[in-house]
Protein backbone atom coordinates (compact mmCIF):
# COMPACT_ATOMS: atom_id res chain seq x y z
CA UNK A 1 121.57 127.55 23.62
CA UNK A 2 123.16 130.87 22.71
CA UNK A 3 121.05 133.03 20.40
CA UNK A 4 122.06 136.18 18.53
CA UNK A 5 120.16 139.13 19.97
CA UNK A 6 120.65 142.51 18.33
CA UNK A 7 119.57 145.36 20.59
CA UNK A 8 119.16 148.82 19.12
CA UNK A 9 119.16 152.00 21.17
CA UNK A 10 118.56 155.17 19.21
CA UNK A 11 118.27 158.92 19.49
CA UNK A 12 114.94 160.31 18.38
CA UNK A 13 114.87 161.14 14.68
CA UNK A 14 117.92 159.06 13.79
CA UNK A 15 115.96 156.31 12.04
CA UNK A 16 116.82 153.58 14.54
CA UNK A 17 113.37 152.01 14.50
CA UNK A 18 113.32 151.86 10.69
CA UNK A 19 116.79 150.32 10.68
CA UNK A 20 115.68 147.76 13.27
CA UNK A 21 112.71 146.69 11.16
CA UNK A 22 114.79 146.49 7.98
CA UNK A 23 117.48 144.52 9.79
CA UNK A 24 115.02 142.02 11.22
CA UNK A 25 113.45 141.53 7.80
CA UNK A 26 116.79 141.06 6.07
CA UNK A 27 118.11 138.65 8.71
CA UNK A 28 114.72 136.91 8.95
CA UNK A 29 114.45 137.49 12.69
CA UNK A 30 111.48 138.43 14.87
CA UNK A 31 111.31 142.16 15.58
CA UNK A 32 110.36 143.52 18.99
CA UNK A 33 109.67 147.11 19.87
CA UNK A 34 106.44 148.54 21.28
CA UNK A 35 104.84 145.12 20.77
CA UNK A 36 106.78 144.03 23.88
CA UNK A 37 104.34 145.91 26.09
CA UNK A 38 101.44 143.93 24.60
CA UNK A 39 103.32 140.68 25.24
CA UNK A 40 104.15 141.76 28.79
CA UNK A 41 100.54 142.70 29.50
CA UNK A 42 99.24 139.42 28.09
CA UNK A 43 101.74 137.28 29.98
CA UNK A 44 101.44 139.04 33.34
CA UNK A 45 97.77 139.97 33.43
CA UNK A 46 98.68 143.59 34.27
CA UNK A 47 96.55 146.06 32.35
CA UNK A 48 98.16 147.36 29.15
CA UNK A 49 97.64 150.97 30.26
CA UNK A 50 100.31 150.59 32.95
CA UNK A 51 102.90 149.35 30.47
CA UNK A 52 101.95 152.13 28.05
CA UNK A 53 102.15 154.73 30.83
CA UNK A 54 105.67 153.80 31.87
CA UNK A 55 106.92 152.88 28.40
CA UNK A 56 110.33 154.60 28.25
CA UNK A 57 108.81 157.50 30.21
CA UNK A 58 110.38 158.93 33.36
CA UNK A 59 108.23 162.06 33.57
CA UNK A 60 108.30 163.50 37.06
CA UNK A 61 105.56 161.28 38.56
CA UNK A 62 107.06 159.56 41.56
CA UNK A 63 103.92 157.94 42.90
CA UNK A 64 102.52 154.51 42.12
CA UNK A 65 99.05 153.92 40.77
CA UNK A 66 96.54 151.36 41.95
CA UNK A 67 95.43 148.69 39.52
CA UNK A 68 91.74 148.05 40.02
CA UNK A 69 92.07 144.80 38.09
CA UNK A 70 94.48 143.32 40.64
CA UNK A 71 93.68 145.66 43.54
CA UNK A 72 97.36 146.15 44.23
CA UNK A 73 100.07 148.69 43.61
CA UNK A 74 101.71 148.62 40.19
CA UNK A 75 104.94 150.59 40.32
CA UNK A 76 107.20 151.65 37.49
CA UNK A 77 109.81 149.24 38.91
CA UNK A 78 107.41 146.31 38.72
CA UNK A 79 106.40 147.28 35.19
CA UNK A 80 110.08 147.34 34.20
CA UNK A 81 110.72 143.99 35.91
CA UNK A 82 107.78 142.33 34.13
CA UNK A 83 108.83 143.73 30.78
CA UNK A 84 112.41 142.55 31.45
CA UNK A 85 111.09 139.02 32.02
CA UNK A 86 109.39 139.12 28.61
CA UNK A 87 112.58 140.42 26.97
CA UNK A 88 114.50 137.48 28.44
CA UNK A 89 111.77 135.09 27.29
CA UNK A 90 111.83 136.28 23.66
CA UNK A 91 115.65 136.13 23.69
CA UNK A 92 115.45 132.53 24.89
CA UNK A 93 113.05 131.71 22.03
CA UNK A 94 115.60 132.51 19.30
CA UNK A 95 117.57 135.13 17.38
CA UNK A 96 115.81 138.48 17.30
CA UNK A 97 116.08 142.27 17.06
CA UNK A 98 114.92 144.33 20.05
CA UNK A 99 114.60 148.12 19.89
CA UNK A 100 114.90 150.16 23.09
CA UNK A 101 113.59 149.24 26.54
CA UNK A 102 117.07 148.78 28.05
CA UNK A 103 117.28 145.36 26.37
CA UNK A 104 121.06 145.71 26.06
CA UNK A 105 121.30 145.99 29.86
CA UNK A 106 118.61 143.44 30.68
CA UNK A 107 120.33 140.75 28.61
CA UNK A 108 123.88 141.53 29.77
CA UNK A 109 124.29 138.43 31.98
CA UNK A 110 122.49 135.91 29.80
CA UNK A 111 124.12 133.15 27.77
CA UNK A 112 123.13 134.83 24.50
CA UNK A 113 125.35 136.74 22.09
CA UNK A 114 123.99 140.27 22.57
CA UNK A 115 125.13 142.73 19.91
CA UNK A 116 124.45 146.20 21.35
CA UNK A 117 123.97 148.90 18.71
CA UNK A 118 123.44 152.64 19.15
CA UNK A 119 122.01 154.71 16.29
CA UNK A 120 122.40 158.49 16.27
CA UNK A 121 122.40 161.39 13.82
CA UNK A 122 123.34 165.04 13.95
CA UNK A 123 120.81 167.56 15.26
CA UNK A 124 119.97 169.07 11.88
CA UNK A 125 119.19 165.70 10.29
CA UNK A 126 117.08 164.61 13.27
CA UNK A 127 115.09 167.86 13.10
CA UNK A 128 114.49 167.50 9.36
CA UNK A 129 113.35 163.91 9.88
CA UNK A 130 110.89 164.85 12.63
CA UNK A 131 109.61 167.94 10.78
CA UNK A 132 108.75 165.69 7.84
CA UNK A 133 107.38 162.83 9.93
CA UNK A 134 105.17 164.94 12.21
CA UNK A 135 104.55 167.93 9.91
CA UNK A 136 105.74 170.38 12.55
CA UNK A 137 107.91 173.50 12.58
CA UNK A 138 111.64 173.47 13.20
CA UNK A 139 111.12 174.81 16.72
CA UNK A 140 108.49 172.17 17.52
CA UNK A 141 110.71 169.41 16.14
CA UNK A 142 113.67 170.60 18.22
CA UNK A 143 111.51 170.72 21.38
CA UNK A 144 110.10 167.23 20.76
CA UNK A 145 113.54 165.75 20.12
CA UNK A 146 114.92 167.30 23.31
CA UNK A 147 112.01 166.03 25.41
CA UNK A 148 112.01 162.48 24.06
CA UNK A 149 115.78 162.10 24.25
CA UNK A 150 115.72 163.40 27.83
CA UNK A 151 113.00 160.88 28.72
CA UNK A 152 114.96 158.04 27.13
CA UNK A 153 118.12 159.12 28.93
CA UNK A 154 116.32 159.39 32.29
CA UNK A 155 114.65 156.01 31.78
CA UNK A 156 117.96 154.33 30.94
CA UNK A 157 119.84 155.97 33.81
CA UNK A 158 117.10 155.13 36.33
CA UNK A 159 116.98 151.44 35.41
CA UNK A 160 120.66 150.81 34.62
CA UNK A 161 122.67 153.42 36.51
CA UNK A 162 124.50 154.17 33.25
CA UNK A 163 124.46 156.89 30.62
CA UNK A 164 122.29 156.09 27.62
CA UNK A 165 124.53 157.72 24.99
CA UNK A 166 127.88 156.46 26.34
CA UNK A 167 129.73 154.56 23.61
CA UNK A 168 131.21 152.16 26.17
CA UNK A 169 127.74 150.62 26.62
CA UNK A 170 127.61 149.49 22.98
CA UNK A 171 129.47 147.25 20.56
CA UNK A 172 128.66 149.27 17.46
CA UNK A 173 127.69 152.95 17.08
CA UNK A 174 126.35 154.23 13.77
CA UNK A 175 125.79 157.86 12.76
CA UNK A 176 122.97 157.91 10.20
CA UNK A 177 123.96 161.39 9.09
CA UNK A 178 126.78 159.57 7.28
CA UNK A 179 124.99 156.36 6.25
CA UNK A 180 121.70 155.52 4.62
CA UNK A 181 119.42 153.05 6.43
CA UNK A 182 120.42 150.42 3.89
CA UNK A 183 124.12 151.01 4.57
CA UNK A 184 123.50 150.89 8.32
CA UNK A 185 121.69 147.55 7.97
CA UNK A 186 124.56 146.23 5.86
CA UNK A 187 127.11 147.34 8.46
CA UNK A 188 125.20 145.71 11.32
CA UNK A 189 124.65 142.51 9.34
CA UNK A 190 128.32 142.22 8.42
CA UNK A 191 129.48 143.01 11.94
CA UNK A 192 127.06 140.48 13.41
CA UNK A 193 128.90 137.72 11.52
CA UNK A 194 132.17 138.81 13.11
CA UNK A 195 130.51 139.27 16.51
CA UNK A 196 129.08 135.75 16.57
CA UNK A 197 132.62 134.35 16.41
CA UNK A 198 134.18 136.56 19.07
């Protein structure tokens, strides 16, 4: 059975996570984001700390750590593979919204209708959003945005071999500097009806 899976990739501060939650609520679909690492840990028996450690994080640690629970090596590649299995499982269970975690790439060869969305905003709007959210200075917000976007880009490139922000990887790109979250949700919802019939 072919399910509608809406994957959302987003630049930090653009409101992609908020849009994902609103979209899932409006379309009455399950919403998956960070909760995927809890599902992956529960289904694989690998300690949650390993999923949390590698969660969209390609900081310069190239070594693997030993899991005392399983007494075996748990690499970032295995963590990604296990999380990918869970992403495929939840897609098989029914229509849903998945934020981040290379879900657009992981589900590329499945039978499902995968609507790949990228949410971005201009630098000024992202900084204002993060300054308000984290109560930090403009300089701190800019530094945090740069670091997190670099980590997301590195994570995506490492696991997919593609560029995270490249429009050719997505079906729909939305700039939230021009649209409210409500308008973005409306655009995705309306396009999803067209997409299902393509």
